[in-house]
Amino acid sequence: MIAQDIMTTDLVTVTEDTPITEAATVLEQHALTGMPVVQGTKVVGIITEGDFILKNTHLHLPSLVRILGSLNFDRRAKKLINTEYQTLSRGIVKDIMTRNVVTVKPSMDVTKVVELFRSKNVNPVPVGGFSQISKRIIKIKW
């Protein structure tokens, strides 16, 4: 079996200028672990759940978006939360995305693809070239 046999063409992408809160919402809504970042017809990076974990605060933005949307707060708490949320939401995808994207060829053996996922700690992985938008991606649900 080769990469082409397990890839999907159902692809969701964002641009470098997408607000990180919007990208987090897209990941959450589509139950994705990551997605390509594109500018025009070029893949310029990839953004994954791991990129949303802010290193200093260990805050996971997709979870925050979901939690805050479901809670009711008094006026004072809402103001404080809104202020903090606005600070976080000023960032854009370009600020946190991974630029050096690992890709695989459609003909790569699936065993090697899995080894790559593990050794490079990547998920998902675009199939094909890095410079042009790949309409194919491999994602593993662990």
C-alpha atoms as a PDB file:
ATOM      1  CA  MET A   1       0.000   0.000   0.000  1.00  0.00           C
ATOM      2  CA  ILE A   2       1.239   3.505  -0.826  1.00  0.00           C
ATOM      3  CA  ALA A   3       0.453   7.049   0.344  1.00  0.00           C
ATOM      4  CA  GLN A   4      -1.889   7.613  -2.584  1.00  0.00           C
ATOM      5  CA  ASP A   5      -4.097   4.782  -1.272  1.00  0.00           C
ATOM      6  CA  ILE A   6      -4.736   6.428   2.110  1.00  0.00           C
ATOM      7  CA  MET A   7      -4.674  10.157   1.333  1.00  0.00           C
ATOM      8  CA  THR A   8      -7.739  12.342   1.368  1.00  0.00           C
ATOM      9  CA  THR A   9      -8.637  15.108  -1.051  1.00  0.00           C
ATOM     10  CA  ASP A  10     -11.125  16.707   1.343  1.00  0.00           C
ATOM     11  CA  LEU A  11      -8.849  19.598   2.251  1.00  0.00           C
ATOM     12  CA  VAL A  12      -9.414  22.654   4.441  1.00  0.00           C
ATOM     13  CA  THR A  13      -6.845  25.472   4.264  1.00  0.00           C
ATOM     14  CA  VAL A  14      -6.200  28.898   5.784  1.00  0.00           C
ATOM     15  CA  THR A  15      -4.007  31.821   4.753  1.00  0.00           C
ATOM     16  CA  GLU A  16      -1.115  33.413   6.640  1.00  0.00           C
ATOM     17  CA  ASP A  17      -3.334  36.385   7.475  1.00  0.00           C
ATOM     18  CA  THR A  18      -6.140  34.342   9.036  1.00  0.00           C
ATOM     19  CA  PRO A  19      -6.630  35.316  12.708  1.00  0.00           C
ATOM     20  CA  ILE A  20      -5.457  32.497  14.965  1.00  0.00           C
ATOM     21  CA  THR A  21      -8.828  32.399  16.705  1.00  0.00           C
ATOM     22  CA  GLU A  22     -10.541  31.822  13.356  1.00  0.00           C
ATOM     23  CA  ALA A  23      -8.041  29.092  12.443  1.00  0.00           C
ATOM     24  CA  ALA A  24      -8.612  27.451  15.845  1.00  0.00           C
ATOM     25  CA  THR A  25     -12.351  27.506  15.205  1.00  0.00           C
ATOM     26  CA  VAL A  26     -11.875  25.931  11.757  1.00  0.00           C
ATOM     27  CA  LEU A  27      -9.771  23.119  13.267  1.00  0.00           C
ATOM     28  CA  GLU A  28     -12.405  22.547  15.933  1.00  0.00           C
ATOM     29  CA  GLN A  29     -15.384  22.643  13.544  1.00  0.00           C
ATOM     30  CA  HIS A  30     -13.789  20.189  11.115  1.00  0.00           C
ATOM     31  CA  ALA A  31     -12.227  17.968  13.826  1.00  0.00           C
ATOM     32  CA  LEU A  32      -8.782  18.465  12.269  1.00  0.00           C
ATOM     33  CA  THR A  33      -5.334  18.106  13.790  1.00  0.00           C
ATOM     34  CA  GLY A  34      -3.838  20.512  11.261  1.00  0.00           C
ATOM     35  CA  MET A  35      -4.191  22.120   7.854  1.00  0.00           C
ATOM     36  CA  PRO A  36      -2.025  23.667   5.125  1.00  0.00           C
ATOM     37  CA  VAL A  37      -1.425  27.414   5.108  1.00  0.00           C
ATOM     38  CA  VAL A  38      -1.623  28.879   1.611  1.00  0.00           C
ATOM     39  CA  GLN A  39      -0.970  32.184  -0.120  1.00  0.00           C
ATOM     40  CA  GLY A  40      -2.418  32.228  -3.599  1.00  0.00           C
ATOM     41  CA  THR A  41      -1.487  28.900  -5.156  1.00  0.00           C
ATOM     42  CA  LYS A  42       1.497  28.207  -2.893  1.00  0.00           C
ATOM     43  CA  VAL A  43       1.695  26.207   0.305  1.00  0.00           C
ATOM     44  CA  VAL A  44       3.691  28.397   2.701  1.00  0.00           C
ATOM     45  CA  GLY A  45       3.335  26.352   5.867  1.00  0.00           C
ATOM     46  CA  ILE A  46       1.157  24.141   7.988  1.00  0.00           C
ATOM     47  CA  ILE A  47      -0.687  24.870  11.202  1.00  0.00           C
ATOM     48  CA  THR A  48      -1.435  22.135  13.702  1.00  0.00           C
ATOM     49  CA  GLU A  49      -3.019  21.796  17.117  1.00  0.00           C
ATOM     50  CA  GLY A  50       0.472  21.873  18.584  1.00  0.00           C
ATOM     51  CA  ASP A  51       1.077  25.317  17.086  1.00  0.00           C
ATOM     52  CA  PHE A  52      -1.890  26.641  19.061  1.00  0.00           C
ATOM     53  CA  ILE A  53      -0.383  25.745  22.402  1.00  0.00           C
ATOM     54  CA  LEU A  54       1.115  28.968  23.609  1.00  0.00           C
ATOM     55  CA  LYS A  55       4.410  27.949  25.183  1.00  0.00           C
ATOM     56  CA  ASN A  56       4.377  30.365  28.118  1.00  0.00           C
ATOM     57  CA  THR A  57       0.810  29.746  29.210  1.00  0.00           C
ATOM     58  CA  HIS A  58       0.164  26.198  27.963  1.00  0.00           C
ATOM     59  CA  LEU A  59      -3.108  27.508  26.573  1.00  0.00           C
ATOM     60  CA  HIS A  60      -4.769  25.446  23.880  1.00  0.00           C
ATOM     61  CA  LEU A  61      -6.740  27.892  21.721  1.00  0.00           C
ATOM     62  CA  PRO A  62      -9.208  25.464  20.095  1.00  0.00           C
ATOM     63  CA  SER A  63     -10.260  24.371  23.580  1.00  0.00           C
ATOM     64  CA  LEU A  64     -10.490  27.969  24.775  1.00  0.00           C
ATOM     65  CA  VAL A  65     -12.719  28.933  21.855  1.00  0.00           C
ATOM     66  CA  ARG A  66     -15.065  26.027  22.622  1.00  0.00           C
ATOM     67  CA  ILE A  67     -15.099  26.609  26.403  1.00  0.00           C
ATOM     68  CA  LEU A  68     -15.685  30.357  26.280  1.00  0.00           C
ATOM     69  CA  GLY A  69     -18.486  29.954  23.788  1.00  0.00           C
ATOM     70  CA  SER A  70     -20.385  27.687  26.148  1.00  0.00           C
ATOM     71  CA  LEU A  71     -20.085  29.578  29.443  1.00  0.00           C
ATOM     72  CA  ASN A  72     -22.169  32.323  30.993  1.00  0.00           C
ATOM     73  CA  PHE A  73     -20.325  34.965  33.008  1.00  0.00           C
ATOM     74  CA  ASP A  74     -21.320  38.049  34.965  1.00  0.00           C
ATOM     75  CA  ARG A  75     -20.583  41.394  33.334  1.00  0.00           C
ATOM     76  CA  ARG A  76     -17.288  41.972  35.163  1.00  0.00           C
ATOM     77  CA  ALA A  77     -15.927  38.518  34.338  1.00  0.00           C
ATOM     78  CA  LYS A  78     -17.015  38.879  30.713  1.00  0.00           C
ATOM     79  CA  LYS A  79     -15.091  42.148  30.439  1.00  0.00           C
ATOM     80  CA  LEU A  80     -11.910  40.593  31.846  1.00  0.00           C
ATOM     81  CA  ILE A  81     -12.218  37.504  29.663  1.00  0.00           C
ATOM     82  CA  ASN A  82     -12.951  39.636  26.611  1.00  0.00           C
ATOM     83  CA  THR A  83      -9.854  41.772  27.265  1.00  0.00           C
ATOM     84  CA  GLU A  84      -7.627  38.697  27.558  1.00  0.00           C
ATOM     85  CA  TYR A  85      -9.266  37.061  24.556  1.00  0.00           C
ATOM     86  CA  GLN A  86      -8.719  40.190  22.451  1.00  0.00           C
ATOM     87  CA  THR A  87      -5.027  40.111  23.369  1.00  0.00           C
ATOM     88  CA  LEU A  88      -4.783  36.498  22.208  1.00  0.00           C
ATOM     89  CA  SER A  89      -6.847  37.083  19.087  1.00  0.00           C
ATOM     90  CA  ARG A  90      -4.558  39.761  17.675  1.00  0.00           C
ATOM     91  CA  GLY A  91      -2.247  37.048  16.396  1.00  0.00           C
ATOM     92  CA  ILE A  92      -2.447  35.659  12.891  1.00  0.00           C
ATOM     93  CA  VAL A  93      -1.588  32.225  11.522  1.00  0.00           C
ATOM     94  CA  LYS A  94       1.758  33.497  10.199  1.00  0.00           C
ATOM     95  CA  ASP A  95       2.845  34.130  13.812  1.00  0.00           C
ATOM     96  CA  ILE A  96       2.577  30.489  14.900  1.00  0.00           C
ATOM     97  CA  MET A  97       2.590  28.255  11.795  1.00  0.00           C
ATOM     98  CA  THR A  98       5.339  25.801  10.881  1.00  0.00           C
ATOM     99  CA  ARG A  99       7.172  26.890   7.743  1.00  0.00           C
ATOM    100  CA  ASN A 100       9.266  23.797   7.024  1.00  0.00           C
ATOM    101  CA  VAL A 101       6.528  21.426   5.941  1.00  0.00           C
ATOM    102  CA  VAL A 102       7.231  17.712   5.743  1.00  0.00           C
ATOM    103  CA  THR A 103       5.650  16.213   2.606  1.00  0.00           C
ATOM    104  CA  VAL A 104       5.446  12.733   1.135  1.00  0.00           C
ATOM    105  CA  LYS A 105       5.288  11.474  -2.434  1.00  0.00           C
ATOM    106  CA  PRO A 106       2.102   9.719  -3.580  1.00  0.00           C
ATOM    107  CA  SER A 107       4.204   6.621  -4.280  1.00  0.00           C
ATOM    108  CA  MET A 108       5.755   6.415  -0.783  1.00  0.00           C
ATOM    109  CA  ASP A 109       5.140   3.127   1.019  1.00  0.00           C
ATOM    110  CA  VAL A 110       2.633   3.511   3.875  1.00  0.00           C
ATOM    111  CA  THR A 111       5.075   1.922   6.332  1.00  0.00           C
ATOM    112  CA  LYS A 112       7.549   4.704   5.569  1.00  0.00           C
ATOM    113  CA  VAL A 113       4.786   7.299   5.893  1.00  0.00           C
ATOM    114  CA  VAL A 114       3.966   6.023   9.392  1.00  0.00           C
ATOM    115  CA  GLU A 115       7.675   6.038  10.305  1.00  0.00           C
ATOM    116  CA  LEU A 116       7.847   9.651   9.109  1.00  0.00           C
ATOM    117  CA  PHE A 117       4.817  10.625  11.209  1.00  0.00           C
ATOM    118  CA  ARG A 118       6.495   9.142  14.278  1.00  0.00           C
ATOM    119  CA  SER A 119      10.075  10.274  13.694  1.00  0.00           C
ATOM    120  CA  LYS A 120       9.185  13.849  12.726  1.00  0.00           C
ATOM    121  CA  ASN A 121       6.168  14.061  15.064  1.00  0.00           C
ATOM    122  CA  VAL A 122       3.979  15.452  12.273  1.00  0.00           C
ATOM    123  CA  ASN A 123       0.278  15.085  11.526  1.00  0.00           C
ATOM    124  CA  PRO A 124      -1.114  15.820   8.955  1.00  0.00           C
ATOM    125  CA  VAL A 125       1.326  15.551   6.041  1.00  0.00           C
ATOM    126  CA  PRO A 126       0.643  16.996   2.567  1.00  0.00           C
ATOM    127  CA  VAL A 127       1.095  14.584  -0.322  1.00  0.00           C
ATOM    128  CA  GLY A 128       3.099  15.929  -3.258  1.00  0.00           C
ATOM    129  CA  GLY A 129       5.229  19.017  -3.693  1.00  0.00           C
ATOM    130  CA  PHE A 130       5.552  21.770  -1.123  1.00  0.00           C
ATOM    131  CA  SER A 131       5.416  24.804  -3.399  1.00  0.00           C
ATOM    132  CA  GLN A 132       2.025  24.283  -5.012  1.00  0.00           C
ATOM    133  CA  ILE A 133      -1.251  23.665  -3.243  1.00  0.00           C
ATOM    134  CA  SER A 134      -1.584  19.974  -2.716  1.00  0.00           C
ATOM    135  CA  LYS A 135      -5.182  18.836  -2.889  1.00  0.00           C
ATOM    136  CA  ARG A 136      -4.107  15.719  -1.032  1.00  0.00           C
ATOM    137  CA  ILE A 137      -3.212  15.133   2.587  1.00  0.00           C
ATOM    138  CA  ILE A 138      -2.667  12.212   4.932  1.00  0.00           C
ATOM    139  CA  LYS A 139      -3.945  12.471   8.473  1.00  0.00           C
ATOM    140  CA  ILE A 140      -3.771   9.818  11.126  1.00  0.00           C
ATOM    141  CA  LYS A 141      -6.298   9.563  13.931  1.00  0.00           C
ATOM    142  CA  TRP A 142      -4.509   8.052  16.900  1.00  0.00           C
END
